[in-house]
Amino acid sequence: SAATLVYLIMILLFLGVMLVQIMNVIIRWRQKQSREYFLYAVYLSVFFIYLLQLFADEFIPEDAYNRISGFTQFISRPIAILLYVLYNRFVVAFLDLDTIRPKFSRSLKLYSTILVFSVFSQLMLQYFSRNNPDIQNAVYGLFTLLLSMVNIYIIYQLWKTSNELSHYILKGSICLTVGVIITNVLNYLMIKGVFANDP
């Protein structure tokens, strides 16, 4: 239908713009040899991969998608957690928190280390409970709720940093946290069948 075509075009345009942004950041990194640009390029690249698997069913033929759907579902949540790790590392480097907020910087690094272990824990959970998606949804829902609470604390600390660079990161962190909260609410409502059609 026309609506589906428009939706597909919007997805491809968004992915295209993001790909251009990744190339731009990589070029800047090569020119300046800046650690901040490198970390941002890695973060955007992994985010791009996450979006590709998220929207894979929209632009891959159904037969082909059915063959890879199990894999995309298996890596989706671990990649989402990994994005937090990469984003935190970028924030530390971009704001030079080691210098201006060393205690906060150590907290973020510890948080990132915990998240790395969480990536492996999520993979193990999905493997051993692969026949019980309800357990997976419940554990991941609780985990992302805890992440949202930690992110609110991070937002507060970024607000306390109060310099021009931190304002950019602050806006991004707020958008990320709001997005996670909305996603969890919608996921909970879908699990409860709120959006199910009446028979």
Protein backbone atom coordinates (compact mmCIF):
# COMPACT_ATOMS: atom_id res chain seq x y z
CA SER A 1 0.00 0.00 0.00
CA ALA A 2 0.96 3.65 -0.30
CA ALA A 3 1.28 4.03 3.48
CA THR A 4 3.65 1.05 3.66
CA LEU A 5 5.75 2.46 0.83
CA VAL A 6 6.00 5.86 2.54
CA TYR A 7 6.97 4.14 5.81
CA LEU A 8 9.67 2.13 4.04
CA ILE A 9 11.03 5.24 2.30
CA MET A 10 11.19 7.08 5.65
CA ILE A 11 13.13 4.20 7.22
CA LEU A 12 15.60 4.09 4.32
CA LEU A 13 16.04 7.87 4.39
CA PHE A 14 16.70 7.78 8.13
CA LEU A 15 19.24 4.97 7.73
CA GLY A 16 20.82 6.83 4.81
CA VAL A 17 21.19 10.04 6.81
CA MET A 18 22.67 8.08 9.71
CA LEU A 19 25.14 6.35 7.38
CA VAL A 20 26.26 9.74 6.05
CA GLN A 21 26.71 10.93 9.64
CA ILE A 22 28.85 7.87 10.43
CA MET A 23 31.06 8.52 7.39
CA ASN A 24 31.38 12.17 8.39
CA VAL A 25 32.47 11.28 11.93
CA ILE A 26 34.96 8.69 10.61
CA ILE A 27 36.48 11.29 8.28
CA ARG A 28 36.80 13.77 11.15
CA TRP A 29 38.38 11.09 13.29
CA ARG A 30 40.93 10.30 10.57
CA GLN A 31 41.72 13.99 10.20
CA LYS A 32 42.04 14.85 13.89
CA GLN A 33 42.94 11.44 15.33
CA SER A 34 40.57 12.31 18.15
CA ARG A 35 39.52 9.63 20.65
CA GLU A 36 36.14 11.34 21.03
CA TYR A 37 35.37 11.03 17.32
CA PHE A 38 36.51 7.40 17.31
CA LEU A 39 34.21 6.50 20.21
CA TYR A 40 31.33 8.39 18.62
CA ALA A 41 31.91 6.60 15.30
CA VAL A 42 31.83 3.22 17.06
CA TYR A 43 28.67 4.16 18.94
CA LEU A 44 26.89 5.33 15.77
CA SER A 45 28.02 2.25 13.82
CA VAL A 46 26.67 -0.15 16.45
CA PHE A 47 23.47 1.92 16.63
CA PHE A 48 23.19 1.62 12.84
CA ILE A 49 23.54 -2.18 13.09
CA TYR A 50 20.89 -2.20 15.83
CA LEU A 51 18.47 -0.28 13.61
CA LEU A 52 19.20 -2.55 10.64
CA GLN A 53 18.20 -5.65 12.58
CA LEU A 54 15.24 -3.79 14.10
CA PHE A 55 13.81 -2.86 10.70
CA ALA A 56 15.08 -5.93 8.83
CA ASP A 57 11.57 -7.30 8.28
CA GLU A 58 10.60 -4.09 6.44
CA PHE A 59 13.06 -4.37 3.56
CA ILE A 60 14.13 -8.02 3.46
CA PRO A 61 11.94 -10.56 1.60
CA GLU A 62 9.81 -12.62 3.98
CA ASP A 63 11.49 -15.95 3.16
CA ALA A 64 14.95 -14.49 3.77
CA TYR A 65 13.84 -12.74 6.94
CA ASN A 66 12.36 -15.94 8.35
CA ARG A 67 15.82 -17.53 8.05
CA ILE A 68 17.53 -14.76 10.04
CA SER A 69 14.74 -13.64 12.38
CA GLY A 70 15.93 -15.92 15.19
CA PHE A 71 19.40 -14.40 14.99
CA THR A 72 18.18 -10.79 14.88
CA GLN A 73 15.95 -11.39 17.88
CA PHE A 74 18.84 -13.03 19.74
CA ILE A 75 21.23 -10.08 19.26
CA SER A 76 18.70 -7.24 19.60
CA ARG A 77 18.69 -6.81 23.38
CA PRO A 78 22.42 -7.44 23.92
CA ILE A 79 23.21 -4.78 21.30
CA ALA A 80 20.80 -2.38 23.01
CA ILE A 81 22.70 -2.85 26.28
CA LEU A 82 26.05 -2.50 24.51
CA LEU A 83 24.92 0.88 23.19
CA TYR A 84 24.75 2.17 26.77
CA VAL A 85 28.35 1.07 27.33
CA LEU A 86 29.58 2.82 24.20
CA TYR A 87 27.57 5.95 24.94
CA ASN A 88 28.98 6.19 28.47
CA ARG A 89 32.54 5.81 27.18
CA PHE A 90 31.90 8.55 24.64
CA VAL A 91 30.48 10.86 27.33
CA VAL A 92 33.55 10.38 29.55
CA ALA A 93 35.90 11.21 26.67
CA PHE A 94 33.84 14.02 25.12
CA LEU A 95 33.37 15.92 28.40
CA ASP A 96 36.87 15.03 29.68
CA LEU A 97 35.25 13.82 32.88
CA ASP A 98 38.50 12.25 34.07
CA THR A 99 39.73 15.82 34.55
CA ILE A 100 36.68 17.87 35.50
CA ARG A 101 34.60 15.25 37.36
CA PRO A 102 36.92 12.34 38.27
CA LYS A 103 34.54 10.79 40.81
CA PHE A 104 31.62 10.87 38.37
CA SER A 105 33.91 9.51 35.66
CA ARG A 106 34.84 6.51 37.82
CA SER A 107 31.15 5.89 38.53
CA LEU A 108 30.34 5.87 34.81
CA LYS A 109 33.21 3.49 34.09
CA LEU A 110 32.05 1.14 36.84
CA TYR A 111 28.50 1.35 35.45
CA SER A 112 29.84 0.51 31.98
CA THR A 113 31.72 -2.50 33.36
CA ILE A 114 28.55 -3.78 34.99
CA LEU A 115 26.73 -3.31 31.68
CA VAL A 116 29.37 -5.35 29.84
CA PHE A 117 28.67 -8.25 32.21
CA SER A 118 24.96 -7.61 31.63
CA VAL A 119 25.44 -8.14 27.89
CA PHE A 120 26.80 -11.64 28.52
CA SER A 121 24.14 -12.30 31.15
CA GLN A 122 21.45 -11.32 28.64
CA LEU A 123 22.90 -13.71 26.05
CA MET A 124 22.94 -16.54 28.60
CA LEU A 125 19.39 -15.74 29.71
CA GLN A 126 18.14 -15.82 26.13
CA TYR A 127 19.92 -19.09 25.44
CA PHE A 128 18.77 -20.97 28.53
CA SER A 129 15.23 -19.56 28.49
CA ARG A 130 14.80 -19.61 24.70
CA ASN A 131 11.56 -21.54 25.05
CA ASN A 132 10.13 -19.16 27.64
CA PRO A 133 9.87 -15.61 26.24
CA ASP A 134 7.78 -14.50 29.23
CA ILE A 135 10.80 -14.89 31.51
CA GLN A 136 12.98 -13.02 29.04
CA ASN A 137 10.50 -10.15 28.78
CA ALA A 138 10.06 -9.90 32.55
CA VAL A 139 13.79 -9.89 33.33
CA TYR A 140 14.64 -7.47 30.52
CA GLY A 141 11.76 -5.19 31.48
CA LEU A 142 12.99 -5.03 35.08
CA PHE A 143 16.56 -4.51 33.89
CA THR A 144 15.67 -1.59 31.61
CA LEU A 145 13.61 -0.07 34.42
CA LEU A 146 16.74 -0.09 36.58
CA LEU A 147 18.69 1.39 33.67
CA SER A 148 16.18 4.24 33.44
CA MET A 149 16.64 4.99 37.14
CA VAL A 150 20.42 5.07 36.76
CA ASN A 151 20.09 7.27 33.68
CA ILE A 152 18.04 9.78 35.66
CA TYR A 153 20.92 9.98 38.13
CA ILE A 154 23.36 10.45 35.23
CA ILE A 155 21.18 13.22 33.81
CA TYR A 156 21.28 14.96 37.20
CA GLN A 157 25.07 14.68 37.33
CA LEU A 158 25.40 16.02 33.77
CA TRP A 159 23.18 18.95 34.72
CA LYS A 160 25.49 19.65 37.67
CA THR A 161 28.49 19.66 35.31
CA SER A 162 26.96 22.68 33.59
CA ASN A 163 29.27 23.58 30.75
CA GLU A 164 28.45 24.11 27.09
CA LEU A 165 29.49 20.62 25.99
CA SER A 166 27.52 18.91 28.76
CA HIS A 167 24.33 20.57 27.52
CA TYR A 168 24.55 18.60 24.24
CA ILE A 169 25.09 15.34 26.11
CA LEU A 170 22.33 16.23 28.56
CA LYS A 171 19.77 16.58 25.76
CA GLY A 172 20.84 13.26 24.26
CA SER A 173 20.66 11.49 27.61
CA ILE A 174 17.17 12.85 28.29
CA CYS A 175 15.95 11.65 24.87
CA LEU A 176 17.53 8.24 25.48
CA THR A 177 15.93 7.85 28.90
CA VAL A 178 12.48 9.00 27.75
CA GLY A 179 12.72 6.59 24.80
CA VAL A 180 13.55 3.66 27.09
CA ILE A 181 10.66 4.49 29.43
CA ILE A 182 8.16 4.79 26.55
CA THR A 183 9.43 1.55 25.02
CA ASN A 184 8.98 -0.31 28.30
CA VAL A 185 5.47 1.07 28.81
CA LEU A 186 4.44 0.06 25.28
CA ASN A 187 6.07 -3.36 25.70
CA TYR A 188 4.20 -3.90 28.98
CA LEU A 189 0.89 -2.88 27.39
CA MET A 190 1.49 -5.20 24.43
CA ILE A 191 2.29 -8.11 26.75
CA LYS A 192 -0.93 -7.41 28.67
CA GLY A 193 -2.83 -7.39 25.37
CA VAL A 194 -4.02 -3.78 25.66
CA PHE A 195 -3.51 -3.27 21.94
CA ALA A 196 -5.02 -6.59 20.93
CA ASN A 197 -8.02 -6.45 18.64
CA ASP A 198 -11.32 -7.50 20.13
CA PRO A 199 -12.57 -10.84 18.78
